[in-house]
Amino acid sequence: MTEHGLGKRSEVAVSVSVAQSAETAARAYCAASLPNVVRLINFALPVGPSQRGVLGGGHATSLAESVAKHLRQIKGNEIDIAARIFAAAPNALVFFLGQQHQAIIAPCAIYKHDIDRRGNKS
């Protein structure tokens, strides 16, 4: 996990780089379109992005829980923090992350990584 400070406002951007790296695209999108993002947190596999990085449903659940746990720690007692999640991950991982959304940071918006670079996939 890496973290970058981006400003002094009330939103957090989260990139989930599992199938591909989403960090650079998330940082660019935040700079261009999300002026209230205070920091960008990138979650990635230790071995780097891979189409085979998630080994099954149990592994996807475990990864989602790890992301949620870290984001809950960031949230602390601040209930007004919004999250912008940029995911380049298998649908199963995003599904399980969605199940954790209320415990993570609410409100929450999820953006699909634009793999083919054909436009905004928010």
Protein backbone atom coordinates (compact mmCIF):
# COMPACT_ATOMS: atom_id res chain seq x y z
CA MET A 1 0.00 0.00 0.00
CA THR A 2 1.22 3.50 -0.83
CA GLU A 3 -0.32 6.83 0.10
CA HIS A 4 0.00 10.31 -1.44
CA GLY A 5 -1.23 13.58 0.08
CA LEU A 6 -3.15 15.64 -2.49
CA GLY A 7 -4.82 18.51 -0.65
CA LYS A 8 -6.76 19.60 2.43
CA ARG A 9 -10.39 18.74 1.70
CA SER A 10 -12.88 16.03 2.65
CA GLU A 11 -12.52 13.13 0.23
CA VAL A 12 -10.20 10.15 -0.03
CA ALA A 13 -9.31 8.42 -3.30
CA VAL A 14 -8.51 4.72 -3.23
CA SER A 15 -6.94 2.83 -6.11
CA VAL A 16 -7.16 -0.96 -6.04
CA SER A 17 -4.42 -2.20 -8.37
CA VAL A 18 -4.92 -5.94 -8.70
CA ALA A 19 -5.48 -6.88 -12.36
CA GLN A 20 -3.64 -3.75 -13.55
CA SER A 21 -2.14 -0.69 -11.93
CA ALA A 22 -4.82 1.94 -11.35
CA GLU A 23 -2.73 4.40 -9.35
CA THR A 24 -1.52 6.65 -12.19
CA ALA A 25 -4.96 6.92 -13.79
CA ALA A 26 -6.59 7.58 -10.40
CA ARG A 27 -4.07 10.30 -9.60
CA ALA A 28 -4.63 11.98 -12.97
CA TYR A 29 -8.42 11.81 -12.65
CA CYS A 30 -8.31 13.25 -9.13
CA ALA A 31 -6.07 16.11 -10.24
CA ALA A 32 -8.35 16.93 -13.17
CA SER A 33 -11.81 16.30 -11.73
CA LEU A 34 -11.88 15.81 -7.97
CA PRO A 35 -10.61 18.94 -6.19
CA ASN A 36 -11.84 17.79 -2.77
CA VAL A 37 -9.66 14.67 -2.60
CA VAL A 38 -7.28 14.94 0.34
CA ARG A 39 -5.22 11.80 -0.29
CA LEU A 40 -4.77 8.88 -2.66
CA ILE A 41 -4.22 5.43 -1.19
CA ASN A 42 -3.10 2.64 -3.51
CA PHE A 43 -3.69 -0.99 -2.62
CA ALA A 44 -1.68 -3.47 -4.69
CA LEU A 45 -0.56 -7.06 -4.51
CA PRO A 46 3.02 -7.59 -3.25
CA VAL A 47 3.97 -9.27 -6.55
CA GLY A 48 2.39 -6.53 -8.68
CA PRO A 49 -0.68 -6.51 -10.90
CA SER A 50 -1.76 -9.78 -12.47
CA GLN A 51 -4.87 -11.21 -14.10
CA ARG A 52 -4.37 -14.21 -11.80
CA GLY A 53 -3.77 -12.18 -8.65
CA VAL A 54 -7.02 -13.21 -6.97
CA LEU A 55 -7.03 -16.94 -6.28
CA GLY A 56 -10.74 -17.40 -5.66
CA GLY A 57 -13.71 -16.16 -3.68
CA GLY A 58 -12.08 -16.62 -0.31
CA HIS A 59 -9.01 -14.69 -1.41
CA ALA A 60 -11.19 -11.90 -2.87
CA THR A 61 -13.07 -11.67 0.43
CA SER A 62 -9.83 -11.51 2.39
CA LEU A 63 -8.41 -8.76 0.16
CA ALA A 64 -11.62 -6.72 0.42
CA GLU A 65 -11.58 -7.07 4.20
CA SER A 66 -7.96 -5.87 4.31
CA VAL A 67 -8.81 -2.77 2.28
CA ALA A 68 -11.90 -2.10 4.40
CA LYS A 69 -9.95 -2.47 7.64
CA HIS A 70 -7.35 0.06 6.58
CA LEU A 71 -9.97 2.54 5.38
CA ARG A 72 -11.91 2.22 8.65
CA GLN A 73 -8.72 3.18 10.50
CA ILE A 74 -8.35 6.27 8.32
CA LYS A 75 -11.98 7.21 8.83
CA GLY A 76 -11.78 7.13 12.61
CA ASN A 77 -14.60 9.27 13.98
CA GLU A 78 -15.00 11.43 10.88
CA ILE A 79 -18.32 10.38 9.37
CA ASP A 80 -18.33 13.00 6.60
CA ILE A 81 -15.34 11.67 4.65
CA ALA A 82 -16.30 10.50 1.15
CA ALA A 83 -14.41 7.80 -0.75
CA ARG A 84 -13.66 7.59 -4.47
CA ILE A 85 -12.62 4.02 -5.32
CA PHE A 86 -10.76 3.33 -8.56
CA ALA A 87 -10.65 -0.41 -9.13
CA ALA A 88 -8.63 -2.39 -11.63
CA ALA A 89 -9.61 -5.69 -10.07
CA PRO A 90 -11.76 -8.76 -10.71
CA ASN A 91 -15.48 -8.22 -10.22
CA ALA A 92 -15.51 -10.60 -7.25
CA LEU A 93 -13.12 -8.38 -5.31
CA VAL A 94 -15.13 -5.25 -6.15
CA PHE A 95 -18.33 -7.07 -5.14
CA PHE A 96 -16.92 -8.01 -1.73
CA LEU A 97 -15.54 -4.50 -1.30
CA GLY A 98 -19.03 -3.19 -2.03
CA GLN A 99 -20.40 -5.35 0.77
CA GLN A 100 -18.06 -3.49 3.12
CA HIS A 101 -18.97 0.02 1.87
CA GLN A 102 -20.92 1.20 4.91
CA ALA A 103 -18.16 0.13 7.25
CA ILE A 104 -15.49 1.72 5.06
CA ILE A 105 -16.33 5.33 4.30
CA ALA A 106 -19.69 6.60 3.17
CA PRO A 107 -20.69 8.04 0.82
CA CYS A 108 -18.71 6.09 -1.72
CA ALA A 109 -18.33 6.23 -5.51
CA ILE A 110 -16.68 3.46 -7.53
CA TYR A 111 -14.90 4.07 -10.83
CA LYS A 112 -13.99 1.32 -13.29
CA HIS A 113 -10.44 1.47 -14.59
CA ASP A 114 -10.45 2.56 -18.27
CA ILE A 115 -8.31 -0.28 -19.63
CA ASP A 116 -8.95 0.52 -23.28
CA ARG A 117 -8.65 4.33 -22.73
CA ARG A 118 -11.86 5.11 -24.59
CA GLY A 119 -13.41 7.52 -22.13
CA ASN A 120 -14.64 8.10 -18.63
CA LYS A 121 -15.90 4.82 -17.14
CA SER A 122 -17.14 6.26 -13.85
